[in-house]
């Protein structure tokens, strides 16, 4: 194990390019993650390709500083796992305030 590692199981589908997703709290406000991985509010819904999905469970964030040794490509992000009311689970990341879907555990 290493810091920032996402726990098993591995996702079933990993998207070649992460897909944009909207993550909102119970009041419909966008969920934000501060620099110290403080979440503004629990995620209540994700909206993927116009489809709203209620969040039934979530875990994270797992912070990651990728390629820290090269400032020109270094990335600071946080990953989350969320389960939705349609029975699917998702691996999300937030970077620079933008949420993306990296993978699905369908």
PDB file of N, CA and C in Angstrom:
ATOM      1  N   UNK A   1       0.820  -1.205   0.000  1.00  0.00           N
ATOM      2  CA  UNK A   1       0.000   0.000   0.000  1.00  0.00           C
ATOM      3  C   UNK A   1       0.858   1.260   0.000  1.00  0.00           C
ATOM      4  N   UNK A   2       0.318   2.312  -0.566  1.00  0.00           N
ATOM      5  CA  UNK A   2       1.019   3.590  -0.581  1.00  0.00           C
ATOM      6  C   UNK A   2       0.009   4.700  -0.341  1.00  0.00           C
ATOM      7  N   UNK A   3       0.462   5.853   0.140  1.00  0.00           N
ATOM      8  CA  UNK A   3      -0.471   6.961   0.379  1.00  0.00           C
ATOM      9  C   UNK A   3      -1.201   7.346  -0.907  1.00  0.00           C
ATOM     10  N   UNK A   4      -2.502   7.559  -0.797  1.00  0.00           N
ATOM     11  CA  UNK A   4      -3.300   7.950  -1.954  1.00  0.00           C
ATOM     12  C   UNK A   4      -3.829   6.791  -2.758  1.00  0.00           C
ATOM     13  N   UNK A   5      -3.491   5.561  -2.369  1.00  0.00           N
ATOM     14  CA  UNK A   5      -3.951   4.388  -3.118  1.00  0.00           C
ATOM     15  C   UNK A   5      -5.454   4.216  -2.972  1.00  0.00           C
ATOM     16  N   UNK A   6      -6.137   3.973  -4.071  1.00  0.00           N
ATOM     17  CA  UNK A   6      -7.562   3.684  -4.054  1.00  0.00           C
ATOM     18  C   UNK A   6      -7.719   2.212  -3.693  1.00  0.00           C
ATOM     19  N   UNK A   7      -8.589   1.886  -2.728  1.00  0.00           N
ATOM     20  CA  UNK A   7      -8.718   0.494  -2.295  1.00  0.00           C
ATOM     21  C   UNK A   7      -9.362  -0.397  -3.354  1.00  0.00           C
ATOM     22  N   UNK A   8      -9.145  -1.706  -3.227  1.00  0.00           N
ATOM     23  CA  UNK A   8      -9.785  -2.696  -4.091  1.00  0.00           C
ATOM     24  C   UNK A   8     -11.284  -2.655  -3.871  1.00  0.00           C
ATOM     25  N   UNK A   9     -12.089  -3.099  -4.814  1.00  0.00           N
ATOM     26  CA  UNK A   9     -11.730  -3.767  -6.051  1.00  0.00           C
ATOM     27  C   UNK A   9     -11.357  -2.778  -7.155  1.00  0.00           C
ATOM     28  N   UNK A  10     -10.718  -3.290  -8.183  1.00  0.00           N
ATOM     29  CA  UNK A  10     -10.389  -2.454  -9.334  1.00  0.00           C
ATOM     30  C   UNK A  10     -11.650  -2.204 -10.156  1.00  0.00           C
ATOM     31  N   UNK A  11     -11.740  -1.047 -10.829  1.00  0.00           N
ATOM     32  CA  UNK A  11     -12.919  -0.752 -11.659  1.00  0.00           C
ATOM     33  C   UNK A  11     -13.036  -1.707 -12.840  1.00  0.00           C
ATOM     34  N   UNK A  12     -14.280  -1.936 -13.289  1.00  0.00           N
ATOM     35  CA  UNK A  12     -14.530  -2.803 -14.441  1.00  0.00           C
ATOM     36  C   UNK A  12     -14.265  -2.091 -15.759  1.00  0.00           C
ATOM     37  N   UNK A  13     -14.564  -0.785 -15.823  1.00  0.00           N
ATOM     38  CA  UNK A  13     -14.393   0.000 -17.047  1.00  0.00           C
ATOM     39  C   UNK A  13     -13.576   1.244 -16.705  1.00  0.00           C
ATOM     40  N   UNK A  14     -12.459   1.410 -17.386  1.00  0.00           N
ATOM     41  CA  UNK A  14     -11.642   2.613 -17.227  1.00  0.00           C
ATOM     42  C   UNK A  14     -11.747   3.401 -18.526  1.00  0.00           C
ATOM     43  N   UNK A  15     -12.206   4.633 -18.429  1.00  0.00           N
ATOM     44  CA  UNK A  15     -12.400   5.454 -19.618  1.00  0.00           C
ATOM     45  C   UNK A  15     -11.052   5.906 -20.178  1.00  0.00           C
ATOM     46  N   UNK A  16     -10.878   5.835 -21.501  1.00  0.00           N
ATOM     47  CA  UNK A  16      -9.616   6.304 -22.103  1.00  0.00           C
ATOM     48  C   UNK A  16      -9.362   7.784 -21.811  1.00  0.00           C
ATOM     49  N   UNK A  17     -10.425   8.565 -21.802  1.00  0.00           N
ATOM     50  CA  UNK A  17     -10.374   9.976 -21.433  1.00  0.00           C
ATOM     51  C   UNK A  17     -11.418  10.198 -20.348  1.00  0.00           C
ATOM     52  N   UNK A  18     -11.029  10.762 -19.208  1.00  0.00           N
ATOM     53  CA  UNK A  18     -12.018  11.027 -18.161  1.00  0.00           C
ATOM     54  C   UNK A  18     -13.158  11.900 -18.690  1.00  0.00           C
ATOM     55  N   UNK A  19     -14.382  11.600 -18.204  1.00  0.00           N
ATOM     56  CA  UNK A  19     -15.584  12.302 -18.648  1.00  0.00           C
ATOM     57  C   UNK A  19     -16.004  13.334 -17.608  1.00  0.00           C
ATOM     58  N   UNK A  20     -16.379  14.540 -18.040  1.00  0.00           N
ATOM     59  CA  UNK A  20     -16.847  15.556 -17.086  1.00  0.00           C
ATOM     60  C   UNK A  20     -18.102  15.094 -16.357  1.00  0.00           C
ATOM     61  N   UNK A  21     -18.203  15.440 -15.101  1.00  0.00           N
ATOM     62  CA  UNK A  21     -19.365  15.109 -14.284  1.00  0.00           C
ATOM     63  C   UNK A  21     -19.606  16.265 -13.317  1.00  0.00           C
ATOM     64  N   UNK A  22     -20.857  16.514 -13.014  1.00  0.00           N
ATOM     65  CA  UNK A  22     -21.223  17.518 -12.029  1.00  0.00           C
ATOM     66  C   UNK A  22     -21.515  16.785 -10.728  1.00  0.00           C
ATOM     67  N   UNK A  23     -20.938  17.257  -9.631  1.00  0.00           N
ATOM     68  CA  UNK A  23     -21.157  16.665  -8.308  1.00  0.00           C
ATOM     69  C   UNK A  23     -21.751  17.754  -7.426  1.00  0.00           C
ATOM     70  N   UNK A  24     -22.967  17.484  -6.907  1.00  0.00           N
ATOM     71  CA  UNK A  24     -23.651  18.493  -6.107  1.00  0.00           C
ATOM     72  C   UNK A  24     -24.057  17.935  -4.750  1.00  0.00           C
ATOM     73  N   UNK A  25     -24.292  18.859  -3.798  1.00  0.00           N
ATOM     74  CA  UNK A  25     -24.740  18.479  -2.458  1.00  0.00           C
ATOM     75  C   UNK A  25     -26.267  18.411  -2.429  1.00  0.00           C
ATOM     76  N   UNK A  26     -26.841  18.171  -1.260  1.00  0.00           N
ATOM     77  CA  UNK A  26     -28.298  18.019  -1.164  1.00  0.00           C
ATOM     78  C   UNK A  26     -29.064  19.289  -1.504  1.00  0.00           C
ATOM     79  N   UNK A  27     -28.392  20.453  -1.482  1.00  0.00           N
ATOM     80  CA  UNK A  27     -29.038  21.712  -1.857  1.00  0.00           C
ATOM     81  C   UNK A  27     -28.790  22.082  -3.318  1.00  0.00           C
ATOM     82  N   UNK A  28     -28.137  21.192  -4.079  1.00  0.00           N
ATOM     83  CA  UNK A  28     -27.867  21.448  -5.489  1.00  0.00           C
ATOM     84  C   UNK A  28     -26.641  22.301  -5.749  1.00  0.00           C
ATOM     85  N   UNK A  29     -25.857  22.574  -4.698  1.00  0.00           N
ATOM     86  CA  UNK A  29     -24.633  23.362  -4.871  1.00  0.00           C
ATOM     87  C   UNK A  29     -23.469  22.442  -5.238  1.00  0.00           C
ATOM     88  N   UNK A  30     -22.574  22.910  -6.100  1.00  0.00           N
ATOM     89  CA  UNK A  30     -21.407  22.094  -6.447  1.00  0.00           C
ATOM     90  C   UNK A  30     -20.569  21.763  -5.214  1.00  0.00           C
ATOM     91  N   UNK A  31     -20.146  20.513  -5.135  1.00  0.00           N
ATOM     92  CA  UNK A  31     -19.256  20.071  -4.059  1.00  0.00           C
ATOM     93  C   UNK A  31     -17.844  20.493  -4.435  1.00  0.00           C
ATOM     94  N   UNK A  32     -17.144  21.074  -3.478  1.00  0.00           N
ATOM     95  CA  UNK A  32     -15.759  21.489  -3.701  1.00  0.00           C
ATOM     96  C   UNK A  32     -14.851  20.748  -2.726  1.00  0.00           C
ATOM     97  N   UNK A  33     -13.579  20.681  -3.094  1.00  0.00           N
ATOM     98  CA  UNK A  33     -12.565  20.056  -2.246  1.00  0.00           C
ATOM     99  C   UNK A  33     -11.454  21.068  -2.065  1.00  0.00           C
ATOM    100  N   UNK A  34     -11.186  21.417  -0.814  1.00  0.00           N
ATOM    101  CA  UNK A  34     -10.146  22.399  -0.508  1.00  0.00           C
ATOM    102  C   UNK A  34      -8.768  21.750  -0.553  1.00  0.00           C
ATOM    103  N   UNK A  35      -7.741  22.574  -0.487  1.00  0.00           N
ATOM    104  CA  UNK A  35      -6.363  22.117  -0.598  1.00  0.00           C
ATOM    105  C   UNK A  35      -5.950  21.043   0.388  1.00  0.00           C
ATOM    106  N   UNK A  36      -6.563  21.022   1.551  1.00  0.00           N
ATOM    107  CA  UNK A  36      -6.250  19.997   2.550  1.00  0.00           C
ATOM    108  C   UNK A  36      -7.246  18.840   2.514  1.00  0.00           C
ATOM    109  N   UNK A  37      -7.896  18.678   1.367  1.00  0.00           N
ATOM    110  CA  UNK A  37      -8.867  17.603   1.120  1.00  0.00           C
ATOM    111  C   UNK A  37     -10.087  17.683   2.025  1.00  0.00           C
ATOM    112  N   UNK A  38     -10.513  18.895   2.332  1.00  0.00           N
ATOM    113  CA  UNK A  38     -11.756  19.102   3.061  1.00  0.00           C
ATOM    114  C   UNK A  38     -12.885  19.236   2.049  1.00  0.00           C
ATOM    115  N   UNK A  39     -13.911  18.428   2.199  1.00  0.00           N
ATOM    116  CA  UNK A  39     -15.041  18.428   1.282  1.00  0.00           C
ATOM    117  C   UNK A  39     -16.070  19.430   1.795  1.00  0.00           C
ATOM    118  N   UNK A  40     -16.587  20.282   0.892  1.00  0.00           N
ATOM    119  CA  UNK A  40     -17.537  21.327   1.292  1.00  0.00           C
ATOM    120  C   UNK A  40     -18.837  20.755   1.841  1.00  0.00           C
ATOM    121  N   UNK A  41     -19.279  19.632   1.305  1.00  0.00           N
ATOM    122  CA  UNK A  41     -20.507  18.963   1.747  1.00  0.00           C
ATOM    123  C   UNK A  41     -20.502  17.555   1.156  1.00  0.00           C
ATOM    124  N   UNK A  42     -21.244  16.643   1.761  1.00  0.00           N
ATOM    125  CA  UNK A  42     -21.317  15.301   1.178  1.00  0.00           C
ATOM    126  C   UNK A  42     -21.956  15.331  -0.213  1.00  0.00           C
ATOM    127  N   UNK A  43     -21.412  14.565  -1.154  1.00  0.00           N
ATOM    128  CA  UNK A  43     -22.049  14.478  -2.471  1.00  0.00           C
ATOM    129  C   UNK A  43     -23.423  13.833  -2.358  1.00  0.00           C
ATOM    130  N   UNK A  44     -24.437  14.450  -2.966  1.00  0.00           N
ATOM    131  CA  UNK A  44     -25.794  13.911  -2.937  1.00  0.00           C
ATOM    132  C   UNK A  44     -26.242  13.431  -4.314  1.00  0.00           C
ATOM    133  N   UNK A  45     -25.638  14.002  -5.362  1.00  0.00           N
ATOM    134  CA  UNK A  45     -26.036  13.652  -6.725  1.00  0.00           C
ATOM    135  C   UNK A  45     -24.874  13.908  -7.664  1.00  0.00           C
ATOM    136  N   UNK A  46     -24.774  13.038  -8.687  1.00  0.00           N
ATOM    137  CA  UNK A  46     -23.859  13.317  -9.787  1.00  0.00           C
ATOM    138  C   UNK A  46     -24.705  13.432 -11.053  1.00  0.00           C
ATOM    139  N   UNK A  47     -24.250  14.252 -11.971  1.00  0.00           N
ATOM    140  CA  UNK A  47     -24.942  14.408 -13.253  1.00  0.00           C
ATOM    141  C   UNK A  47     -23.918  14.090 -14.334  1.00  0.00           C
ATOM    142  N   UNK A  48     -24.136  12.962 -14.999  1.00  0.00           N
ATOM    143  CA  UNK A  48     -23.217  12.472 -16.024  1.00  0.00           C
ATOM    144  C   UNK A  48     -23.947  12.433 -17.359  1.00  0.00           C
ATOM    145  N   UNK A  49     -23.450  13.191 -18.328  1.00  0.00           N
ATOM    146  CA  UNK A  49     -24.060  13.271 -19.660  1.00  0.00           C
ATOM    147  C   UNK A  49     -25.550  13.618 -19.552  1.00  0.00           C
ATOM    148  N   UNK A  50     -25.872  14.553 -18.651  1.00  0.00           N
ATOM    149  CA  UNK A  50     -27.241  15.013 -18.493  1.00  0.00           C
ATOM    150  C   UNK A  50     -28.122  14.111 -17.644  1.00  0.00           C
ATOM    151  N   UNK A  51     -27.600  12.980 -17.195  1.00  0.00           N
ATOM    152  CA  UNK A  51     -28.379  12.028 -16.398  1.00  0.00           C
ATOM    153  C   UNK A  51     -28.080  12.212 -14.914  1.00  0.00           C
ATOM    154  N   UNK A  52     -29.076  12.665 -14.123  1.00  0.00           N
ATOM    155  CA  UNK A  52     -28.851  12.800 -12.680  1.00  0.00           C
ATOM    156  C   UNK A  52     -28.947  11.438 -12.000  1.00  0.00           C
ATOM    157  N   UNK A  53     -27.990  11.173 -11.106  1.00  0.00           N
ATOM    158  CA  UNK A  53     -27.950   9.925 -10.353  1.00  0.00           C
ATOM    159  C   UNK A  53     -27.757  10.265  -8.879  1.00  0.00           C
ATOM    160  N   UNK A  54     -28.641   9.763  -8.028  1.00  0.00           N
ATOM    161  CA  UNK A  54     -28.537  10.015  -6.592  1.00  0.00           C
ATOM    162  C   UNK A  54     -27.379   9.206  -6.013  1.00  0.00           C
ATOM    163  N   UNK A  55     -26.592   9.844  -5.170  1.00  0.00           N
ATOM    164  CA  UNK A  55     -25.476   9.180  -4.505  1.00  0.00           C
ATOM    165  C   UNK A  55     -26.012   8.464  -3.270  1.00  0.00           C
ATOM    166  N   UNK A  56     -25.737   7.157  -3.184  1.00  0.00           N
ATOM    167  CA  UNK A  56     -26.189   6.364  -2.043  1.00  0.00           C
ATOM    168  C   UNK A  56     -25.054   6.094  -1.055  1.00  0.00           C
ATOM    169  N   UNK A  57     -23.824   6.324  -1.471  1.00  0.00           N
ATOM    170  CA  UNK A  57     -22.671   6.149  -0.601  1.00  0.00           C
ATOM    171  C   UNK A  57     -21.438   6.713  -1.269  1.00  0.00           C
ATOM    172  N   UNK A  58     -20.466   7.108  -0.457  1.00  0.00           N
ATOM    173  CA  UNK A  58     -19.245   7.658  -1.025  1.00  0.00           C
ATOM    174  C   UNK A  58     -18.109   7.488  -0.032  1.00  0.00           C
ATOM    175  N   UNK A  59     -16.895   7.515  -0.550  1.00  0.00           N
ATOM    176  CA  UNK A  59     -15.706   7.455   0.282  1.00  0.00           C
ATOM    177  C   UNK A  59     -14.586   8.228  -0.394  1.00  0.00           C
ATOM    178  N   UNK A  60     -13.663   8.690   0.395  1.00  0.00           N
ATOM    179  CA  UNK A  60     -12.575   9.518  -0.100  1.00  0.00           C
ATOM    180  C   UNK A  60     -12.593  10.826   0.663  1.00  0.00           C
ATOM    181  N   UNK A  61     -11.815  11.746   0.304  1.00  0.00           N
ATOM    182  CA  UNK A  61     -10.912  11.777  -0.849  1.00  0.00           C
ATOM    183  C   UNK A  61      -9.573  11.097  -0.552  1.00  0.00           C
ATOM    184  N   UNK A  62      -8.970  10.649  -1.650  1.00  0.00           N
ATOM    185  CA  UNK A  62      -7.600  10.164  -1.620  1.00  0.00           C
ATOM    186  C   UNK A  62      -6.773  11.165  -2.417  1.00  0.00           C
ATOM    187  N   UNK A  63      -5.994  11.972  -1.736  1.00  0.00           N
ATOM    188  CA  UNK A  63      -5.191  12.973  -2.455  1.00  0.00           C
ATOM    189  C   UNK A  63      -4.037  12.315  -3.198  1.00  0.00           C
ATOM    190  N   UNK A  64      -3.677  12.906  -4.309  1.00  0.00           N
ATOM    191  CA  UNK A  64      -2.543  12.405  -5.086  1.00  0.00           C
ATOM    192  C   UNK A  64      -1.783  13.590  -5.679  1.00  0.00           C
ATOM    193  N   UNK A  65      -0.496  13.493  -5.613  1.00  0.00           N
ATOM    194  CA  UNK A  65       0.381  14.442  -6.289  1.00  0.00           C
ATOM    195  C   UNK A  65       1.166  13.614  -7.286  1.00  0.00           C
ATOM    196  N   UNK A  66       0.754  13.677  -8.537  1.00  0.00           N
ATOM    197  CA  UNK A  66       1.345  12.847  -9.584  1.00  0.00           C
ATOM    198  C   UNK A  66       2.472  13.580 -10.293  1.00  0.00           C
ATOM    199  N   UNK A  67       3.507  12.863 -10.598  1.00  0.00           N
ATOM    200  CA  UNK A  67       4.694  13.361 -11.316  1.00  0.00           C
ATOM    201  C   UNK A  67       5.238  14.635 -10.675  1.00  0.00           C
ATOM    202  N   UNK A  68       5.310  14.642  -9.361  1.00  0.00           N
ATOM    203  CA  UNK A  68       5.770  15.793  -8.592  1.00  0.00           C
ATOM    204  C   UNK A  68       7.189  16.205  -8.937  1.00  0.00           C
ATOM    205  N   UNK A  69       7.962  15.294  -9.472  1.00  0.00           N
ATOM    206  CA  UNK A  69       9.365  15.574  -9.783  1.00  0.00           C
ATOM    207  C   UNK A  69       9.531  16.436 -11.021  1.00  0.00           C
ATOM    208  N   UNK A  70       8.466  16.632 -11.813  1.00  0.00           N
ATOM    209  CA  UNK A  70       8.544  17.435 -13.034  1.00  0.00           C
ATOM    210  C   UNK A  70       7.433  18.488 -12.997  1.00  0.00           C
ATOM    211  N   UNK A  71       7.774  19.696 -12.634  1.00  0.00           N
ATOM    212  CA  UNK A  71       6.783  20.761 -12.461  1.00  0.00           C
ATOM    213  C   UNK A  71       5.968  21.031 -13.725  1.00  0.00           C
ATOM    214  N   UNK A  72       6.507  20.722 -14.894  1.00  0.00           N
ATOM    215  CA  UNK A  72       5.782  21.004 -16.137  1.00  0.00           C
ATOM    216  C   UNK A  72       4.599  20.058 -16.359  1.00  0.00           C
ATOM    217  N   UNK A  73       4.581  18.894 -15.709  1.00  0.00           N
ATOM    218  CA  UNK A  73       3.480  17.944 -15.884  1.00  0.00           C
ATOM    219  C   UNK A  73       2.866  17.491 -14.548  1.00  0.00           C
ATOM    220  N   UNK A  74       3.348  18.030 -13.438  1.00  0.00           N
ATOM    221  CA  UNK A  74       2.853  17.629 -12.119  1.00  0.00           C
ATOM    222  C   UNK A  74       1.361  17.915 -12.002  1.00  0.00           C
ATOM    223  N   UNK A  75       0.655  17.015 -11.284  1.00  0.00           N
ATOM    224  CA  UNK A  75      -0.786  17.156 -11.068  1.00  0.00           C
ATOM    225  C   UNK A  75      -1.102  16.950  -9.601  1.00  0.00           C
ATOM    226  N   UNK A  76      -1.988  17.786  -9.074  1.00  0.00           N
ATOM    227  CA  UNK A  76      -2.502  17.623  -7.723  1.00  0.00           C
ATOM    228  C   UNK A  76      -3.999  17.398  -7.841  1.00  0.00           C
ATOM    229  N   UNK A  77      -4.467  16.278  -7.315  1.00  0.00           N
ATOM    230  CA  UNK A  77      -5.867  15.912  -7.465  1.00  0.00           C
ATOM    231  C   UNK A  77      -6.315  15.088  -6.269  1.00  0.00           C
ATOM    232  N   UNK A  78      -7.595  14.784  -6.234  1.00  0.00           N
ATOM    233  CA  UNK A  78      -8.158  13.900  -5.217  1.00  0.00           C
ATOM    234  C   UNK A  78      -9.151  12.967  -5.894  1.00  0.00           C
ATOM    235  N   UNK A  79      -9.159  11.723  -5.457  1.00  0.00           N
ATOM    236  CA  UNK A  79     -10.079  10.727  -6.013  1.00  0.00           C
ATOM    237  C   UNK A  79     -11.133  10.356  -4.975  1.00  0.00           C
ATOM    238  N   UNK A  80     -12.311   9.984  -5.480  1.00  0.00           N
ATOM    239  CA  UNK A  80     -13.440   9.554  -4.665  1.00  0.00           C
ATOM    240  C   UNK A  80     -14.061   8.325  -5.312  1.00  0.00           C
ATOM    241  N   UNK A  81     -14.692   7.498  -4.507  1.00  0.00           N
ATOM    242  CA  UNK A  81     -15.556   6.450  -5.011  1.00  0.00           C
ATOM    243  C   UNK A  81     -16.968   6.806  -4.566  1.00  0.00           C
ATOM    244  N   UNK A  82     -17.917   6.736  -5.499  1.00  0.00           N
ATOM    245  CA  UNK A  82     -19.312   6.989  -5.166  1.00  0.00           C
ATOM    246  C   UNK A  82     -20.175   5.858  -5.719  1.00  0.00           C
ATOM    247  N   UNK A  83     -21.203   5.508  -4.966  1.00  0.00           N
ATOM    248  CA  UNK A  83     -22.209   4.546  -5.408  1.00  0.00           C
ATOM    249  C   UNK A  83     -23.475   5.339  -5.701  1.00  0.00           C
ATOM    250  N   UNK A  84     -24.198   4.924  -6.750  1.00  0.00           N
ATOM    251  CA  UNK A  84     -25.417   5.635  -7.137  1.00  0.00           C
ATOM    252  C   UNK A  84     -26.622   4.708  -7.073  1.00  0.00           C
ATOM    253  N   UNK A  85     -27.802   5.322  -7.083  1.00  0.00           N
ATOM    254  CA  UNK A  85     -29.048   4.580  -6.891  1.00  0.00           C
ATOM    255  C   UNK A  85     -29.396   3.620  -8.024  1.00  0.00           C
ATOM    256  N   UNK A  86     -28.653   3.640  -9.102  1.00  0.00           N
ATOM    257  CA  UNK A  86     -28.894   2.700 -10.200  1.00  0.00           C
ATOM    258  C   UNK A  86     -28.053   1.430 -10.051  1.00  0.00           C
ATOM    259  N   UNK A  87     -27.348   1.308  -8.929  1.00  0.00           N
ATOM    260  CA  UNK A  87     -26.558   0.107  -8.669  1.00  0.00           C
ATOM    261  C   UNK A  87     -25.121   0.172  -9.151  1.00  0.00           C
ATOM    262  N   UNK A  88     -24.752   1.276  -9.782  1.00  0.00           N
ATOM    263  CA  UNK A  88     -23.375   1.416 -10.252  1.00  0.00           C
ATOM    264  C   UNK A  88     -22.528   2.157  -9.220  1.00  0.00           C
ATOM    265  N   UNK A  89     -21.224   2.025  -9.387  1.00  0.00           N
ATOM    266  CA  UNK A  89     -20.277   2.776  -8.570  1.00  0.00           C
ATOM    267  C   UNK A  89     -19.270   3.404  -9.519  1.00  0.00           C
ATOM    268  N   UNK A  90     -18.684   4.515  -9.080  1.00  0.00           N
ATOM    269  CA  UNK A  90     -17.847   5.334  -9.953  1.00  0.00           C
ATOM    270  C   UNK A  90     -16.564   5.736  -9.251  1.00  0.00           C
ATOM    271  N   UNK A  91     -15.493   5.839 -10.029  1.00  0.00           N
ATOM    272  CA  UNK A  91     -14.248   6.430  -9.534  1.00  0.00           C
ATOM    273  C   UNK A  91     -14.188   7.835 -10.121  1.00  0.00           C
ATOM    274  N   UNK A  92     -14.268   8.831  -9.245  1.00  0.00           N
ATOM    275  CA  UNK A  92     -14.247  10.230  -9.667  1.00  0.00           C
ATOM    276  C   UNK A  92     -12.932  10.863  -9.245  1.00  0.00           C
ATOM    277  N   UNK A  93     -12.550  11.894  -9.959  1.00  0.00           N
ATOM    278  CA  UNK A  93     -11.424  12.713  -9.518  1.00  0.00           C
ATOM    279  C   UNK A  93     -11.816  14.162  -9.634  1.00  0.00           C
ATOM    280  N   UNK A  94     -11.216  14.959  -8.787  1.00  0.00           N
ATOM    281  CA  UNK A  94     -11.402  16.409  -8.862  1.00  0.00           C
ATOM    282  C   UNK A  94     -10.009  17.018  -8.946  1.00  0.00           C
ATOM    283  N   UNK A  95      -9.842  17.869  -9.945  1.00  0.00           N
ATOM    284  CA  UNK A  95      -8.553  18.527 -10.176  1.00  0.00           C
ATOM    285  C   UNK A  95      -8.825  19.953 -10.617  1.00  0.00           C
ATOM    286  N   UNK A  96      -8.266  20.903  -9.887  1.00  0.00           N
ATOM    287  CA  UNK A  96      -8.471  22.302 -10.232  1.00  0.00           C
ATOM    288  C   UNK A  96      -9.931  22.710 -10.208  1.00  0.00           C
ATOM    289  N   UNK A  97     -10.722  22.087  -9.343  1.00  0.00           N
ATOM    290  CA  UNK A  97     -12.137  22.412  -9.234  1.00  0.00           C
ATOM    291  C   UNK A  97     -13.032  21.694 -10.230  1.00  0.00           C
ATOM    292  N   UNK A  98     -12.462  20.926 -11.146  1.00  0.00           N
ATOM    293  CA  UNK A  98     -13.253  20.211 -12.143  1.00  0.00           C
ATOM    294  C   UNK A  98     -13.363  18.740 -11.763  1.00  0.00           C
ATOM    295  N   UNK A  99     -14.603  18.230 -11.784  1.00  0.00           N
ATOM    296  CA  UNK A  99     -14.865  16.821 -11.502  1.00  0.00           C
ATOM    297  C   UNK A  99     -14.876  16.027 -12.792  1.00  0.00           C
ATOM    298  N   UNK A 100     -14.307  14.819 -12.726  1.00  0.00           N
ATOM    299  CA  UNK A 100     -14.258  13.929 -13.872  1.00  0.00           C
ATOM    300  C   UNK A 100     -14.521  12.494 -13.413  1.00  0.00           C
ATOM    301  N   UNK A 101     -15.111  11.687 -14.299  1.00  0.00           N
ATOM    302  CA  UNK A 101     -15.284  10.252 -14.065  1.00  0.00           C
ATOM    303  C   UNK A 101     -14.112   9.548 -14.734  1.00  0.00           C
ATOM    304  N   UNK A 102     -13.348   8.813 -13.954  1.00  0.00           N
ATOM    305  CA  UNK A 102     -12.232   8.027 -14.508  1.00  0.00           C
ATOM    306  C   UNK A 102     -12.656   6.604 -14.852  1.00  0.00           C
ATOM    307  N   UNK A 103     -13.565   6.043 -14.042  1.00  0.00           N
ATOM    308  CA  UNK A 103     -13.890   4.628 -14.217  1.00  0.00           C
ATOM    309  C   UNK A 103     -15.247   4.315 -13.606  1.00  0.00           C
ATOM    310  N   UNK A 104     -15.764   3.149 -13.979  1.00  0.00           N
ATOM    311  CA  UNK A 104     -17.053   2.659 -13.485  1.00  0.00           C
ATOM    312  C   UNK A 104     -16.871   1.247 -12.949  1.00  0.00           C
ATOM    313  N   UNK A 105     -17.533   0.956 -11.846  1.00  0.00           N
ATOM    314  CA  UNK A 105     -17.499  -0.384 -11.248  1.00  0.00           C
ATOM    315  C   UNK A 105     -18.753  -1.180 -11.593  1.00  0.00           C
ATOM    316  N   UNK A 106     -19.359  -0.937 -12.750  1.00  0.00           N
ATOM    317  CA  UNK A 106     -20.639  -1.548 -13.135  1.00  0.00           C
ATOM    318  C   UNK A 106     -20.546  -3.046 -13.238  1.00  0.00           C
TER     319      UNK A 106
END
